[in-house]
């Protein structure tokens, strides 16, 4: 059975292929907030994943609009995403919505370091990565 989504390939084609934060909206209410190094590619993956993942399918089916906030860096996108999730409390962003502990920035010590978010409870006693915070 073929599903018809409000999020179309044409809408995705208009999205920038840059670093930024994106929001899926329904009637101007935020459903989901995400960040990406390439917003256009990430939105396309949401559409593709909707065929297999019920959460992705629900987000894509409900959304009637996408809002994109370009950022200068992945770090800025990470902070913007965390702040928006805390402020807007989108129903599909449960992982960062609780206020049980503050967020920390985690920078991996890999050849190509990644910037991630972590909670205090997830930081090991002898961390092998760099942590900054709380925020």
Protein backbone atom coordinates (compact mmCIF):
# COMPACT_ATOMS: atom_id res chain seq x y z
CA UNK A 1 0.00 0.00 0.00
CA UNK A 2 1.38 3.38 -0.98
CA UNK A 3 1.27 6.18 1.57
CA UNK A 4 0.91 9.79 0.62
CA UNK A 5 2.99 12.14 2.75
CA UNK A 6 2.63 15.86 3.07
CA UNK A 7 6.40 16.14 2.98
CA UNK A 8 7.26 15.97 -0.69
CA UNK A 9 10.44 15.54 -2.69
CA UNK A 10 9.78 18.99 -4.12
CA UNK A 11 9.81 20.54 -0.64
CA UNK A 12 13.07 18.76 0.14
CA UNK A 13 14.59 19.97 -3.14
CA UNK A 14 14.07 23.56 -1.94
CA UNK A 15 15.95 22.93 1.33
CA UNK A 16 19.57 24.11 1.56
CA UNK A 17 22.40 21.58 1.37
CA UNK A 18 24.15 23.30 4.30
CA UNK A 19 24.66 22.89 8.04
CA UNK A 20 21.61 23.80 10.05
CA UNK A 21 18.64 22.96 12.22
CA UNK A 22 15.31 21.89 10.77
CA UNK A 23 11.83 21.70 12.22
CA UNK A 24 8.85 19.63 11.11
CA UNK A 25 5.68 21.66 11.79
CA UNK A 26 1.95 21.04 11.77
CA UNK A 27 -0.31 24.08 11.99
CA UNK A 28 2.75 26.08 13.15
CA UNK A 29 3.30 23.70 16.08
CA UNK A 30 6.73 22.04 16.19
CA UNK A 31 6.58 18.24 15.90
CA UNK A 32 10.28 17.42 15.61
CA UNK A 33 13.60 19.28 15.63
CA UNK A 34 16.81 17.95 14.16
CA UNK A 35 20.24 19.11 13.04
CA UNK A 36 22.34 18.11 10.08
CA UNK A 37 25.57 18.87 8.29
CA UNK A 38 23.53 18.71 5.07
CA UNK A 39 19.89 19.61 5.78
CA UNK A 40 18.67 18.62 2.31
CA UNK A 41 20.21 15.14 2.57
CA UNK A 42 18.89 14.63 6.11
CA UNK A 43 15.35 15.61 5.12
CA UNK A 44 15.56 13.19 2.20
CA UNK A 45 16.61 10.45 4.62
CA UNK A 46 13.58 11.20 6.82
CA UNK A 47 11.35 10.67 3.80
CA UNK A 48 13.17 7.46 2.84
CA UNK A 49 13.16 6.10 6.42
CA UNK A 50 9.42 6.74 6.74
CA UNK A 51 8.86 3.55 4.76
CA UNK A 52 10.45 1.43 7.50
CA UNK A 53 10.27 3.33 10.78
CA UNK A 54 6.88 4.09 12.40
CA UNK A 55 8.23 7.19 14.20
CA UNK A 56 9.64 8.60 10.96
CA UNK A 57 6.38 7.77 9.17
CA UNK A 58 4.36 9.62 11.82
CA UNK A 59 6.56 12.71 11.66
CA UNK A 60 6.49 12.83 7.86
CA UNK A 61 2.75 12.13 7.66
CA UNK A 62 1.80 14.79 10.21
CA UNK A 63 4.07 17.59 9.05
CA UNK A 64 2.66 20.21 6.73
CA UNK A 65 5.72 22.44 6.67
CA UNK A 66 9.48 22.37 7.19
CA UNK A 67 11.40 25.26 8.69
CA UNK A 68 15.19 25.46 8.29
CA UNK A 69 17.59 27.57 10.35
CA UNK A 70 21.03 27.69 8.70
CA UNK A 71 24.01 27.78 11.07
CA UNK A 72 27.69 28.59 10.65
CA UNK A 73 28.96 25.35 12.19
CA UNK A 74 27.96 21.91 13.43
CA UNK A 75 28.65 23.14 16.97
CA UNK A 76 26.21 26.05 16.54
CA UNK A 77 23.63 23.65 15.08
CA UNK A 78 24.01 21.35 18.09
CA UNK A 79 23.47 24.20 20.57
CA UNK A 80 20.56 25.64 18.56
CA UNK A 81 18.90 22.22 18.35
CA UNK A 82 19.23 21.63 22.11
CA UNK A 83 17.86 25.09 22.98
CA UNK A 84 14.91 24.76 20.60
CA UNK A 85 14.02 21.29 21.90
CA UNK A 86 14.11 22.57 25.47
CA UNK A 87 11.97 25.62 24.58
CA UNK A 88 9.49 24.05 22.15
CA UNK A 89 9.22 20.52 23.66
CA UNK A 90 8.30 18.79 20.39
CA UNK A 91 6.40 15.56 20.88
CA UNK A 92 8.82 13.47 18.79
CA UNK A 93 12.02 14.68 20.53
CA UNK A 94 11.63 12.76 23.77
CA UNK A 95 15.34 12.02 24.27
CA UNK A 96 16.34 15.64 25.02
CA UNK A 97 13.04 16.88 26.40
CA UNK A 98 13.37 15.87 30.03
CA UNK A 99 15.04 18.15 32.55
CA UNK A 100 16.51 15.38 34.72
CA UNK A 101 20.04 16.61 34.13
CA UNK A 102 21.87 19.30 32.22
CA UNK A 103 23.41 18.79 28.82
CA UNK A 104 27.15 18.59 28.23
CA UNK A 105 29.01 18.94 24.95
CA UNK A 106 31.02 15.86 24.07
CA UNK A 107 33.89 16.15 21.60
CA UNK A 108 35.25 12.80 20.53
CA UNK A 109 38.98 12.19 20.33
CA UNK A 110 38.89 10.63 16.89
CA UNK A 111 40.85 11.52 13.79
CA UNK A 112 37.77 13.49 12.72
CA UNK A 113 36.21 14.65 16.03
CA UNK A 114 32.44 14.69 16.39
CA UNK A 115 30.48 17.15 18.50
CA UNK A 116 27.65 15.45 20.40
CA UNK A 117 25.36 16.06 23.36
CA UNK A 118 25.55 14.01 26.56
CA UNK A 119 23.93 13.93 29.99
CA UNK A 120 25.96 13.82 33.21
CA UNK A 121 24.83 10.25 33.89
CA UNK A 122 26.38 9.15 30.59
CA UNK A 123 29.86 10.58 31.29
CA UNK A 124 32.23 7.84 32.50
CA UNK A 125 34.49 8.39 35.53
CA UNK A 126 37.58 8.33 33.31
CA UNK A 127 36.31 9.79 30.05
CA UNK A 128 38.28 9.21 26.88
CA UNK A 129 36.52 12.12 25.16
CA UNK A 130 36.30 15.83 26.05
CA UNK A 131 33.21 17.11 27.88
CA UNK A 132 32.15 20.74 28.38
CA UNK A 133 29.24 22.01 30.40
CA UNK A 134 26.75 21.83 31.85
CA UNK A 135 24.48 23.92 29.63
